[in-house]
Amino acid sequence: TPANWNDGDDCVIVPSIKDPEELKQKFPKGYTEVKPYLRMTPQPNK
């Protein structure tokens, strides 16, 4: 998660999760792929 991250900002998904089905299961709110190694998802508890 970026150094300037604030509560409520999107969170970084670790690059080791590559399977699209696993991503859908773990991040039901979806995610944005900024780069192949950098994906962001809404904060889970917000």
PDB file of N, CA and C in Angstrom:
ATOM      1  N   THR A   1       0.854  -1.169   0.000  1.00  0.00           N
ATOM      2  CA  THR A   1       0.000   0.000   0.000  1.00  0.00           C
ATOM      3  C   THR A   1       0.904   1.237   0.000  1.00  0.00           C
ATOM      4  N   PRO A   2       0.585   2.254  -0.779  1.00  0.00           N
ATOM      5  CA  PRO A   2       1.450   3.434  -0.899  1.00  0.00           C
ATOM      6  C   PRO A   2       1.726   4.126   0.437  1.00  0.00           C
ATOM      7  N   ALA A   3       2.852   4.808   0.517  1.00  0.00           N
ATOM      8  CA  ALA A   3       3.255   5.499   1.744  1.00  0.00           C
ATOM      9  C   ALA A   3       2.262   6.590   2.128  1.00  0.00           C
ATOM     10  N   ASN A   4       1.627   7.219   1.147  1.00  0.00           N
ATOM     11  CA  ASN A   4       0.685   8.304   1.438  1.00  0.00           C
ATOM     12  C   ASN A   4      -0.762   7.806   1.497  1.00  0.00           C
ATOM     13  N   TRP A   5      -0.950   6.515   1.744  1.00  0.00           N
ATOM     14  CA  TRP A   5      -2.284   5.914   1.802  1.00  0.00           C
ATOM     15  C   TRP A   5      -3.050   6.439   3.005  1.00  0.00           C
ATOM     16  N   ASN A   6      -4.346   6.673   2.804  1.00  0.00           N
ATOM     17  CA  ASN A   6      -5.241   7.098   3.884  1.00  0.00           C
ATOM     18  C   ASN A   6      -6.392   6.117   3.989  1.00  0.00           C
ATOM     19  N   ASP A   7      -6.956   6.010   5.185  1.00  0.00           N
ATOM     20  CA  ASP A   7      -8.097   5.134   5.412  1.00  0.00           C
ATOM     21  C   ASP A   7      -9.205   5.477   4.415  1.00  0.00           C
ATOM     22  N   GLY A   8      -9.678   4.477   3.701  1.00  0.00           N
ATOM     23  CA  GLY A   8     -10.718   4.671   2.697  1.00  0.00           C
ATOM     24  C   GLY A   8     -10.189   4.675   1.276  1.00  0.00           C
ATOM     25  N   ASP A   9      -8.869   4.868   1.104  1.00  0.00           N
ATOM     26  CA  ASP A   9      -8.264   4.814  -0.233  1.00  0.00           C
ATOM     27  C   ASP A   9      -8.227   3.374  -0.728  1.00  0.00           C
ATOM     28  N   ASP A  10      -8.046   3.213  -2.042  1.00  0.00           N
ATOM     29  CA  ASP A  10      -7.895   1.874  -2.603  1.00  0.00           C
ATOM     30  C   ASP A  10      -6.635   1.211  -2.061  1.00  0.00           C
ATOM     31  N   CYS A  11      -6.641  -0.118  -2.054  1.00  0.00           N
ATOM     32  CA  CYS A  11      -5.527  -0.924  -1.553  1.00  0.00           C
ATOM     33  C   CYS A  11      -4.873  -1.671  -2.709  1.00  0.00           C
ATOM     34  N   VAL A  12      -3.604  -1.982  -2.551  1.00  0.00           N
ATOM     35  CA  VAL A  12      -2.845  -2.726  -3.554  1.00  0.00           C
ATOM     36  C   VAL A  12      -3.082  -4.223  -3.362  1.00  0.00           C
ATOM     37  N   ILE A  13      -3.263  -4.935  -4.471  1.00  0.00           N
ATOM     38  CA  ILE A  13      -3.380  -6.398  -4.449  1.00  0.00           C
ATOM     39  C   ILE A  13      -1.989  -6.961  -4.706  1.00  0.00           C
ATOM     40  N   VAL A  14      -1.558  -7.902  -3.882  1.00  0.00           N
ATOM     41  CA  VAL A  14      -0.225  -8.484  -4.066  1.00  0.00           C
ATOM     42  C   VAL A  14      -0.126  -9.129  -5.452  1.00  0.00           C
ATOM     43  N   PRO A  15       1.010  -8.972  -6.135  1.00  0.00           N
ATOM     44  CA  PRO A  15       1.157  -9.503  -7.490  1.00  0.00           C
ATOM     45  C   PRO A  15       1.169 -11.026  -7.574  1.00  0.00           C
ATOM     46  N   SER A  16       1.348 -11.714  -6.450  1.00  0.00           N
ATOM     47  CA  SER A  16       1.397 -13.179  -6.490  1.00  0.00           C
ATOM     48  C   SER A  16       0.033 -13.798  -6.792  1.00  0.00           C
ATOM     49  N   ILE A  17      -1.051 -13.048  -6.616  1.00  0.00           N
ATOM     50  CA  ILE A  17      -2.386 -13.558  -6.963  1.00  0.00           C
ATOM     51  C   ILE A  17      -2.608 -13.270  -8.439  1.00  0.00           C
ATOM     52  N   LYS A  18      -2.587 -14.311  -9.260  1.00  0.00           N
ATOM     53  CA  LYS A  18      -2.687 -14.143 -10.710  1.00  0.00           C
ATOM     54  C   LYS A  18      -3.956 -14.750 -11.303  1.00  0.00           C
ATOM     55  N   ASP A  19      -4.527 -15.739 -10.636  1.00  0.00           N
ATOM     56  CA  ASP A  19      -5.690 -16.448 -11.163  1.00  0.00           C
ATOM     57  C   ASP A  19      -6.921 -15.536 -11.166  1.00  0.00           C
ATOM     58  N   PRO A  20      -7.545 -15.301 -12.339  1.00  0.00           N
ATOM     59  CA  PRO A  20      -8.720 -14.424 -12.410  1.00  0.00           C
ATOM     60  C   PRO A  20      -9.870 -14.868 -11.505  1.00  0.00           C
ATOM     61  N   GLU A  21     -10.072 -16.166 -11.368  1.00  0.00           N
ATOM     62  CA  GLU A  21     -11.150 -16.661 -10.499  1.00  0.00           C
ATOM     63  C   GLU A  21     -10.854 -16.356  -9.030  1.00  0.00           C
ATOM     64  N   GLU A  22      -9.604 -16.507  -8.632  1.00  0.00           N
ATOM     65  CA  GLU A  22      -9.216 -16.196  -7.255  1.00  0.00           C
ATOM     66  C   GLU A  22      -9.371 -14.697  -6.987  1.00  0.00           C
ATOM     67  N   LEU A  23      -9.023 -13.878  -7.968  1.00  0.00           N
ATOM     68  CA  LEU A  23      -9.195 -12.431  -7.821  1.00  0.00           C
ATOM     69  C   LEU A  23     -10.670 -12.074  -7.637  1.00  0.00           C
ATOM     70  N   LYS A  24     -11.545 -12.685  -8.433  1.00  0.00           N
ATOM     71  CA  LYS A  24     -12.988 -12.429  -8.311  1.00  0.00           C
ATOM     72  C   LYS A  24     -13.503 -12.833  -6.937  1.00  0.00           C
ATOM     73  N   GLN A  25     -13.005 -13.972  -6.444  1.00  0.00           N
ATOM     74  CA  GLN A  25     -13.456 -14.489  -5.149  1.00  0.00           C
ATOM     75  C   GLN A  25     -12.964 -13.611  -3.999  1.00  0.00           C
ATOM     76  N   LYS A  26     -11.698 -13.224  -4.039  1.00  0.00           N
ATOM     77  CA  LYS A  26     -11.115 -12.463  -2.934  1.00  0.00           C
ATOM     78  C   LYS A  26     -11.484 -10.984  -2.963  1.00  0.00           C
ATOM     79  N   PHE A  27     -11.785 -10.466  -4.150  1.00  0.00           N
ATOM     80  CA  PHE A  27     -12.067  -9.034  -4.294  1.00  0.00           C
ATOM     81  C   PHE A  27     -13.382  -8.830  -5.037  1.00  0.00           C
ATOM     82  N   PRO A  28     -14.509  -9.123  -4.377  1.00  0.00           N
ATOM     83  CA  PRO A  28     -15.815  -9.055  -5.038  1.00  0.00           C
ATOM     84  C   PRO A  28     -16.210  -7.650  -5.497  1.00  0.00           C
ATOM     85  N   LYS A  29     -15.586  -6.616  -4.928  1.00  0.00           N
ATOM     86  CA  LYS A  29     -15.879  -5.243  -5.367  1.00  0.00           C
ATOM     87  C   LYS A  29     -15.164  -4.910  -6.671  1.00  0.00           C
ATOM     88  N   GLY A  30     -14.324  -5.842  -7.142  1.00  0.00           N
ATOM     89  CA  GLY A  30     -13.574  -5.615  -8.375  1.00  0.00           C
ATOM     90  C   GLY A  30     -12.214  -5.004  -8.101  1.00  0.00           C
ATOM     91  N   TYR A  31     -11.488  -4.749  -9.176  1.00  0.00           N
ATOM     92  CA  TYR A  31     -10.164  -4.148  -9.060  1.00  0.00           C
ATOM     93  C   TYR A  31      -9.824  -3.421 -10.353  1.00  0.00           C
ATOM     94  N   THR A  32      -8.861  -2.540 -10.276  1.00  0.00           N
ATOM     95  CA  THR A  32      -8.368  -1.793 -11.426  1.00  0.00           C
ATOM     96  C   THR A  32      -6.927  -2.197 -11.655  1.00  0.00           C
ATOM     97  N   GLU A  33      -6.602  -2.568 -12.888  1.00  0.00           N
ATOM     98  CA  GLU A  33      -5.224  -2.938 -13.217  1.00  0.00           C
ATOM     99  C   GLU A  33      -4.514  -1.709 -13.769  1.00  0.00           C
ATOM    100  N   VAL A  34      -3.632  -1.134 -12.952  1.00  0.00           N
ATOM    101  CA  VAL A  34      -2.855   0.032 -13.353  1.00  0.00           C
ATOM    102  C   VAL A  34      -1.713  -0.422 -14.263  1.00  0.00           C
ATOM    103  N   LYS A  35      -1.041  -1.458 -13.870  1.00  0.00           N
ATOM    104  CA  LYS A  35       0.018  -2.149 -14.622  1.00  0.00           C
ATOM    105  C   LYS A  35      -0.195  -3.630 -14.337  1.00  0.00           C
ATOM    106  N   PRO A  36       0.393  -4.530 -15.128  1.00  0.00           N
ATOM    107  CA  PRO A  36       0.198  -5.956 -14.849  1.00  0.00           C
ATOM    108  C   PRO A  36       0.607  -6.356 -13.426  1.00  0.00           C
ATOM    109  N   TYR A  37       1.549  -5.640 -12.849  1.00  0.00           N
ATOM    110  CA  TYR A  37       2.028  -5.955 -11.503  1.00  0.00           C
ATOM    111  C   TYR A  37       1.403  -5.052 -10.431  1.00  0.00           C
ATOM    112  N   LEU A  38       0.552  -4.101 -10.829  1.00  0.00           N
ATOM    113  CA  LEU A  38      -0.043  -3.160  -9.883  1.00  0.00           C
ATOM    114  C   LEU A  38      -1.552  -3.100 -10.090  1.00  0.00           C
ATOM    115  N   ARG A  39      -2.267  -3.710  -9.148  1.00  0.00           N
ATOM    116  CA  ARG A  39      -3.734  -3.719  -9.199  1.00  0.00           C
ATOM    117  C   ARG A  39      -4.266  -3.138  -7.905  1.00  0.00           C
ATOM    118  N   MET A  40      -5.326  -2.360  -8.028  1.00  0.00           N
ATOM    119  CA  MET A  40      -5.914  -1.675  -6.883  1.00  0.00           C
ATOM    120  C   MET A  40      -7.348  -2.148  -6.692  1.00  0.00           C
ATOM    121  N   THR A  41      -7.767  -2.233  -5.431  1.00  0.00           N
ATOM    122  CA  THR A  41      -9.131  -2.628  -5.099  1.00  0.00           C
ATOM    123  C   THR A  41      -9.644  -1.716  -3.990  1.00  0.00           C
ATOM    124  N   PRO A  42     -10.959  -1.483  -3.935  1.00  0.00           N
ATOM    125  CA  PRO A  42     -11.479  -0.669  -2.835  1.00  0.00           C
ATOM    126  C   PRO A  42     -11.156  -1.310  -1.483  1.00  0.00           C
ATOM    127  N   GLN A  43     -10.966  -0.470  -0.487  1.00  0.00           N
ATOM    128  CA  GLN A  43     -10.670  -0.971   0.860  1.00  0.00           C
ATOM    129  C   GLN A  43     -11.785  -1.924   1.282  1.00  0.00           C
ATOM    130  N   PRO A  44     -11.437  -3.135   1.711  1.00  0.00           N
ATOM    131  CA  PRO A  44     -12.439  -4.166   2.000  1.00  0.00           C
ATOM    132  C   PRO A  44     -13.509  -3.786   3.011  1.00  0.00           C
ATOM    133  N   ASN A  45     -13.164  -3.073   4.069  1.00  0.00           N
ATOM    134  CA  ASN A  45     -14.150  -2.798   5.116  1.00  0.00           C
ATOM    135  C   ASN A  45     -14.817  -1.435   4.970  1.00  0.00           C
ATOM    136  N   LYS A  46     -14.740  -0.850   3.799  1.00  0.00           N
ATOM    137  CA  LYS A  46     -15.361   0.477   3.571  1.00  0.00           C
ATOM    138  C   LYS A  46     -16.457   0.389   2.554  1.00  0.00           C
TER     139      LYS A  46
END
